[in-house]
Amino acid sequence: MNFFTCFDGQGKVIARCQTTQEIEVLKKMGRPIEEVREMKKEEAVVCSLTGSPSDFNMDY
């Protein structure tokens, strides 16, 4: 399972997403996503242990 971290133009984390569809939804909502990086496996484990990556998205 792949997870992605979305960043704004200043390098701040906007959201953590599980699918590219979630990223597209955030873009349509007007989030200023400038960069998307796939999380390393050790980073993604934290998301899978703490719940859904959408739990980190304040706008969802």
PDB file of N, CA and C in Angstrom:
ATOM      1  N   MET A   1       0.840  -1.169   0.000  1.00  0.00           N
ATOM      2  CA  MET A   1       0.000   0.000   0.000  1.00  0.00           C
ATOM      3  C   MET A   1       0.888   1.235   0.000  1.00  0.00           C
ATOM      4  N   ASN A   2       0.596   2.172  -0.899  1.00  0.00           N
ATOM      5  CA  ASN A   2       1.376   3.405  -1.012  1.00  0.00           C
ATOM      6  C   ASN A   2       0.637   4.561  -0.365  1.00  0.00           C
ATOM      7  N   PHE A   3       1.398   5.429   0.271  1.00  0.00           N
ATOM      8  CA  PHE A   3       0.863   6.647   0.851  1.00  0.00           C
ATOM      9  C   PHE A   3       1.646   7.815   0.279  1.00  0.00           C
ATOM     10  N   PHE A   4       0.999   8.973   0.219  1.00  0.00           N
ATOM     11  CA  PHE A   4       1.617  10.154  -0.360  1.00  0.00           C
ATOM     12  C   PHE A   4       1.511  11.321   0.610  1.00  0.00           C
ATOM     13  N   THR A   5       2.533  12.175   0.595  1.00  0.00           N
ATOM     14  CA  THR A   5       2.515  13.400   1.373  1.00  0.00           C
ATOM     15  C   THR A   5       2.423  14.567   0.399  1.00  0.00           C
ATOM     16  N   CYS A   6       1.503  15.481   0.660  1.00  0.00           N
ATOM     17  CA  CYS A   6       1.294  16.647  -0.197  1.00  0.00           C
ATOM     18  C   CYS A   6       1.857  17.882   0.498  1.00  0.00           C
ATOM     19  N   PHE A   7       2.593  18.690  -0.267  1.00  0.00           N
ATOM     20  CA  PHE A   7       3.233  19.886   0.264  1.00  0.00           C
ATOM     21  C   PHE A   7       2.754  21.129  -0.474  1.00  0.00           C
ATOM     22  N   ASP A   8       2.768  22.260   0.238  1.00  0.00           N
ATOM     23  CA  ASP A   8       2.459  23.530  -0.417  1.00  0.00           C
ATOM     24  C   ASP A   8       3.742  24.117  -1.000  1.00  0.00           C
ATOM     25  N   GLY A   9       3.667  25.308  -1.557  1.00  0.00           N
ATOM     26  CA  GLY A   9       4.807  25.941  -2.194  1.00  0.00           C
ATOM     27  C   GLY A   9       5.934  26.311  -1.255  1.00  0.00           C
ATOM     28  N   GLN A  10       5.651  26.330   0.059  1.00  0.00           N
ATOM     29  CA  GLN A  10       6.675  26.666   1.042  1.00  0.00           C
ATOM     30  C   GLN A  10       7.238  25.428   1.724  1.00  0.00           C
ATOM     31  N   GLY A  11       6.840  24.243   1.243  1.00  0.00           N
ATOM     32  CA  GLY A  11       7.364  22.999   1.793  1.00  0.00           C
ATOM     33  C   GLY A  11       6.646  22.478   3.023  1.00  0.00           C
ATOM     34  N   LYS A  12       5.513  23.084   3.369  1.00  0.00           N
ATOM     35  CA  LYS A  12       4.750  22.633   4.535  1.00  0.00           C
ATOM     36  C   LYS A  12       3.812  21.501   4.128  1.00  0.00           C
ATOM     37  N   VAL A  13       3.639  20.530   5.038  1.00  0.00           N
ATOM     38  CA  VAL A  13       2.761  19.405   4.763  1.00  0.00           C
ATOM     39  C   VAL A  13       1.310  19.871   4.783  1.00  0.00           C
ATOM     40  N   ILE A  14       0.585  19.564   3.704  1.00  0.00           N
ATOM     41  CA  ILE A  14      -0.829  19.888   3.618  1.00  0.00           C
ATOM     42  C   ILE A  14      -1.658  18.689   4.041  1.00  0.00           C
ATOM     43  N   ALA A  15      -1.284  17.508   3.530  1.00  0.00           N
ATOM     44  CA  ALA A  15      -2.087  16.318   3.788  1.00  0.00           C
ATOM     45  C   ALA A  15      -1.272  15.059   3.528  1.00  0.00           C
ATOM     46  N   ARG A  16      -1.768  13.974   4.053  1.00  0.00           N
ATOM     47  CA  ARG A  16      -1.242  12.645   3.736  1.00  0.00           C
ATOM     48  C   ARG A  16      -2.399  11.870   3.124  1.00  0.00           C
ATOM     49  N   CYS A  17      -2.161  11.311   1.947  1.00  0.00           N
ATOM     50  CA  CYS A  17      -3.225  10.639   1.207  1.00  0.00           C
ATOM     51  C   CYS A  17      -2.809   9.219   0.850  1.00  0.00           C
ATOM     52  N   GLN A  18      -3.808   8.381   0.651  1.00  0.00           N
ATOM     53  CA  GLN A  18      -3.544   6.995   0.278  1.00  0.00           C
ATOM     54  C   GLN A  18      -3.647   6.783  -1.228  1.00  0.00           C
ATOM     55  N   THR A  19      -4.423   7.592  -1.912  1.00  0.00           N
ATOM     56  CA  THR A  19      -4.606   7.408  -3.355  1.00  0.00           C
ATOM     57  C   THR A  19      -4.419   8.734  -4.080  1.00  0.00           C
ATOM     58  N   THR A  20      -4.138   8.624  -5.381  1.00  0.00           N
ATOM     59  CA  THR A  20      -4.029   9.833  -6.186  1.00  0.00           C
ATOM     60  C   THR A  20      -5.395  10.495  -6.346  1.00  0.00           C
ATOM     61  N   GLN A  21      -6.475   9.716  -6.232  1.00  0.00           N
ATOM     62  CA  GLN A  21      -7.816  10.288  -6.299  1.00  0.00           C
ATOM     63  C   GLN A  21      -8.056  11.239  -5.122  1.00  0.00           C
ATOM     64  N   GLU A  22      -7.571  10.889  -3.940  1.00  0.00           N
ATOM     65  CA  GLU A  22      -7.701  11.770  -2.782  1.00  0.00           C
ATOM     66  C   GLU A  22      -6.945  13.080  -3.027  1.00  0.00           C
ATOM     67  N   ILE A  23      -5.788  12.981  -3.661  1.00  0.00           N
ATOM     68  CA  ILE A  23      -4.996  14.170  -3.968  1.00  0.00           C
ATOM     69  C   ILE A  23      -5.766  15.075  -4.929  1.00  0.00           C
ATOM     70  N   GLU A  24      -6.391  14.478  -5.932  1.00  0.00           N
ATOM     71  CA  GLU A  24      -7.175  15.259  -6.903  1.00  0.00           C
ATOM     72  C   GLU A  24      -8.362  15.945  -6.232  1.00  0.00           C
ATOM     73  N   VAL A  25      -8.988  15.277  -5.283  1.00  0.00           N
ATOM     74  CA  VAL A  25     -10.112  15.877  -4.547  1.00  0.00           C
ATOM     75  C   VAL A  25      -9.623  17.109  -3.783  1.00  0.00           C
ATOM     76  N   LEU A  26      -8.481  16.995  -3.124  1.00  0.00           N
ATOM     77  CA  LEU A  26      -7.939  18.135  -2.387  1.00  0.00           C
ATOM     78  C   LEU A  26      -7.619  19.296  -3.322  1.00  0.00           C
ATOM     79  N   LYS A  27      -7.076  18.990  -4.499  1.00  0.00           N
ATOM     80  CA  LYS A  27      -6.787  20.050  -5.475  1.00  0.00           C
ATOM     81  C   LYS A  27      -8.072  20.739  -5.907  1.00  0.00           C
ATOM     82  N   LYS A  28      -9.126  19.962  -6.153  1.00  0.00           N
ATOM     83  CA  LYS A  28     -10.410  20.544  -6.561  1.00  0.00           C
ATOM     84  C   LYS A  28     -11.021  21.378  -5.451  1.00  0.00           C
ATOM     85  N   MET A  29     -10.688  21.043  -4.184  1.00  0.00           N
ATOM     86  CA  MET A  29     -11.175  21.818  -3.045  1.00  0.00           C
ATOM     87  C   MET A  29     -10.393  23.117  -2.894  1.00  0.00           C
ATOM     88  N   GLY A  30      -9.341  23.293  -3.714  1.00  0.00           N
ATOM     89  CA  GLY A  30      -8.579  24.531  -3.668  1.00  0.00           C
ATOM     90  C   GLY A  30      -7.323  24.484  -2.828  1.00  0.00           C
ATOM     91  N   ARG A  31      -6.935  23.293  -2.363  1.00  0.00           N
ATOM     92  CA  ARG A  31      -5.697  23.203  -1.580  1.00  0.00           C
ATOM     93  C   ARG A  31      -4.507  23.489  -2.483  1.00  0.00           C
ATOM     94  N   PRO A  32      -3.554  24.307  -2.046  1.00  0.00           N
ATOM     95  CA  PRO A  32      -2.422  24.712  -2.888  1.00  0.00           C
ATOM     96  C   PRO A  32      -1.318  23.655  -2.931  1.00  0.00           C
ATOM     97  N   ILE A  33      -1.624  22.500  -3.487  1.00  0.00           N
ATOM     98  CA  ILE A  33      -0.655  21.403  -3.538  1.00  0.00           C
ATOM     99  C   ILE A  33       0.348  21.678  -4.651  1.00  0.00           C
ATOM    100  N   GLU A  34       1.612  21.832  -4.269  1.00  0.00           N
ATOM    101  CA  GLU A  34       2.682  22.108  -5.223  1.00  0.00           C
ATOM    102  C   GLU A  34       3.516  20.862  -5.501  1.00  0.00           C
ATOM    103  N   GLU A  35       3.611  19.974  -4.521  1.00  0.00           N
ATOM    104  CA  GLU A  35       4.469  18.796  -4.667  1.00  0.00           C
ATOM    105  C   GLU A  35       3.822  17.618  -3.959  1.00  0.00           C
ATOM    106  N   VAL A  36       3.958  16.445  -4.549  1.00  0.00           N
ATOM    107  CA  VAL A  36       3.464  15.207  -3.952  1.00  0.00           C
ATOM    108  C   VAL A  36       4.623  14.228  -3.939  1.00  0.00           C
ATOM    109  N   ARG A  37       4.892  13.653  -2.770  1.00  0.00           N
ATOM    110  CA  ARG A  37       5.965  12.668  -2.647  1.00  0.00           C
ATOM    111  C   ARG A  37       5.412  11.375  -2.071  1.00  0.00           C
ATOM    112  N   GLU A  38       5.838  10.268  -2.652  1.00  0.00           N
ATOM    113  CA  GLU A  38       5.456   8.974  -2.105  1.00  0.00           C
ATOM    114  C   GLU A  38       6.224   8.774  -0.796  1.00  0.00           C
ATOM    115  N   MET A  39       5.525   8.329   0.226  1.00  0.00           N
ATOM    116  CA  MET A  39       6.153   8.127   1.526  1.00  0.00           C
ATOM    117  C   MET A  39       7.009   6.871   1.497  1.00  0.00           C
ATOM    118  N   LYS A  40       8.084   6.881   2.273  1.00  0.00           N
ATOM    119  CA  LYS A  40       8.914   5.693   2.429  1.00  0.00           C
ATOM    120  C   LYS A  40       8.122   4.650   3.206  1.00  0.00           C
ATOM    121  N   LYS A  41       8.467   3.399   3.044  1.00  0.00           N
ATOM    122  CA  LYS A  41       7.722   2.331   3.710  1.00  0.00           C
ATOM    123  C   LYS A  41       7.685   2.530   5.221  1.00  0.00           C
ATOM    124  N   GLU A  42       8.787   2.967   5.815  1.00  0.00           N
ATOM    125  CA  GLU A  42       8.807   3.154   7.267  1.00  0.00           C
ATOM    126  C   GLU A  42       7.913   4.313   7.704  1.00  0.00           C
ATOM    127  N   GLU A  43       7.731   5.318   6.847  1.00  0.00           N
ATOM    128  CA  GLU A  43       6.815   6.417   7.149  1.00  0.00           C
ATOM    129  C   GLU A  43       5.364   5.964   6.988  1.00  0.00           C
ATOM    130  N   ALA A  44       5.110   5.168   5.954  1.00  0.00           N
ATOM    131  CA  ALA A  44       3.755   4.708   5.670  1.00  0.00           C
ATOM    132  C   ALA A  44       3.230   3.787   6.756  1.00  0.00           C
ATOM    133  N   VAL A  45       4.106   3.066   7.445  1.00  0.00           N
ATOM    134  CA  VAL A  45       3.686   2.177   8.522  1.00  0.00           C
ATOM    135  C   VAL A  45       2.968   2.966   9.604  1.00  0.00           C
ATOM    136  N   VAL A  46       3.440   4.171   9.894  1.00  0.00           N
ATOM    137  CA  VAL A  46       2.811   5.011  10.913  1.00  0.00           C
ATOM    138  C   VAL A  46       1.373   5.313  10.528  1.00  0.00           C
ATOM    139  N   CYS A  47       1.121   5.625   9.252  1.00  0.00           N
ATOM    140  CA  CYS A  47      -0.241   5.904   8.794  1.00  0.00           C
ATOM    141  C   CYS A  47      -1.118   4.676   8.950  1.00  0.00           C
ATOM    142  N   SER A  48      -0.608   3.522   8.566  1.00  0.00           N
ATOM    143  CA  SER A  48      -1.440   2.325   8.629  1.00  0.00           C
ATOM    144  C   SER A  48      -1.702   1.905  10.070  1.00  0.00           C
ATOM    145  N   LEU A  49      -0.836   2.263  10.995  1.00  0.00           N
ATOM    146  CA  LEU A  49      -1.045   1.921  12.405  1.00  0.00           C
ATOM    147  C   LEU A  49      -1.987   2.896  13.106  1.00  0.00           C
ATOM    148  N   THR A  50      -1.990   4.149  12.659  1.00  0.00           N
ATOM    149  CA  THR A  50      -2.794   5.170  13.337  1.00  0.00           C
ATOM    150  C   THR A  50      -4.167   5.366  12.714  1.00  0.00           C
ATOM    151  N   GLY A  51      -4.431   4.705  11.626  1.00  0.00           N
ATOM    152  CA  GLY A  51      -5.735   4.840  10.971  1.00  0.00           C
ATOM    153  C   GLY A  51      -5.575   5.272   9.540  1.00  0.00           C
ATOM    154  N   SER A  52      -6.615   5.777   8.990  1.00  0.00           N
ATOM    155  CA  SER A  52      -6.633   6.195   7.598  1.00  0.00           C
ATOM    156  C   SER A  52      -5.791   7.455   7.409  1.00  0.00           C
ATOM    157  N   PRO A  53      -5.077   7.555   6.277  1.00  0.00           N
ATOM    158  CA  PRO A  53      -4.336   8.787   6.008  1.00  0.00           C
ATOM    159  C   PRO A  53      -5.259  10.001   5.956  1.00  0.00           C
ATOM    160  N   SER A  54      -6.531   9.787   5.615  1.00  0.00           N
ATOM    161  CA  SER A  54      -7.449  10.925   5.568  1.00  0.00           C
ATOM    162  C   SER A  54      -7.707  11.494   6.959  1.00  0.00           C
ATOM    163  N   ASP A  55      -7.355  10.749   8.025  1.00  0.00           N
ATOM    164  CA  ASP A  55      -7.461  11.281   9.371  1.00  0.00           C
ATOM    165  C   ASP A  55      -6.579  12.515   9.534  1.00  0.00           C
ATOM    166  N   PHE A  56      -5.527  12.623   8.714  1.00  0.00           N
ATOM    167  CA  PHE A  56      -4.608  13.744   8.797  1.00  0.00           C
ATOM    168  C   PHE A  56      -5.097  14.933   7.999  1.00  0.00           C
ATOM    169  N   ASN A  57      -6.079  14.754   7.138  1.00  0.00           N
ATOM    170  CA  ASN A  57      -6.595  15.827   6.291  1.00  0.00           C
ATOM    171  C   ASN A  57      -7.655  16.607   7.051  1.00  0.00           C
ATOM    172  N   MET A  58      -7.332  17.815   7.421  1.00  0.00           N
ATOM    173  CA  MET A  58      -8.228  18.622   8.228  1.00  0.00           C
ATOM    174  C   MET A  58      -9.484  19.033   7.455  1.00  0.00           C
ATOM    175  N   ASP A  59      -9.415  19.089   6.124  1.00  0.00           N
ATOM    176  CA  ASP A  59     -10.547  19.533   5.314  1.00  0.00           C
ATOM    177  C   ASP A  59     -11.517  18.415   4.963  1.00  0.00           C
ATOM    178  N   TYR A  60     -11.155  17.192   5.210  1.00  0.00           N
ATOM    179  CA  TYR A  60     -12.035  16.062   4.860  1.00  0.00           C
ATOM    180  C   TYR A  60     -13.152  15.938   5.855  1.00  0.00           C
TER     181      TYR A  60
END
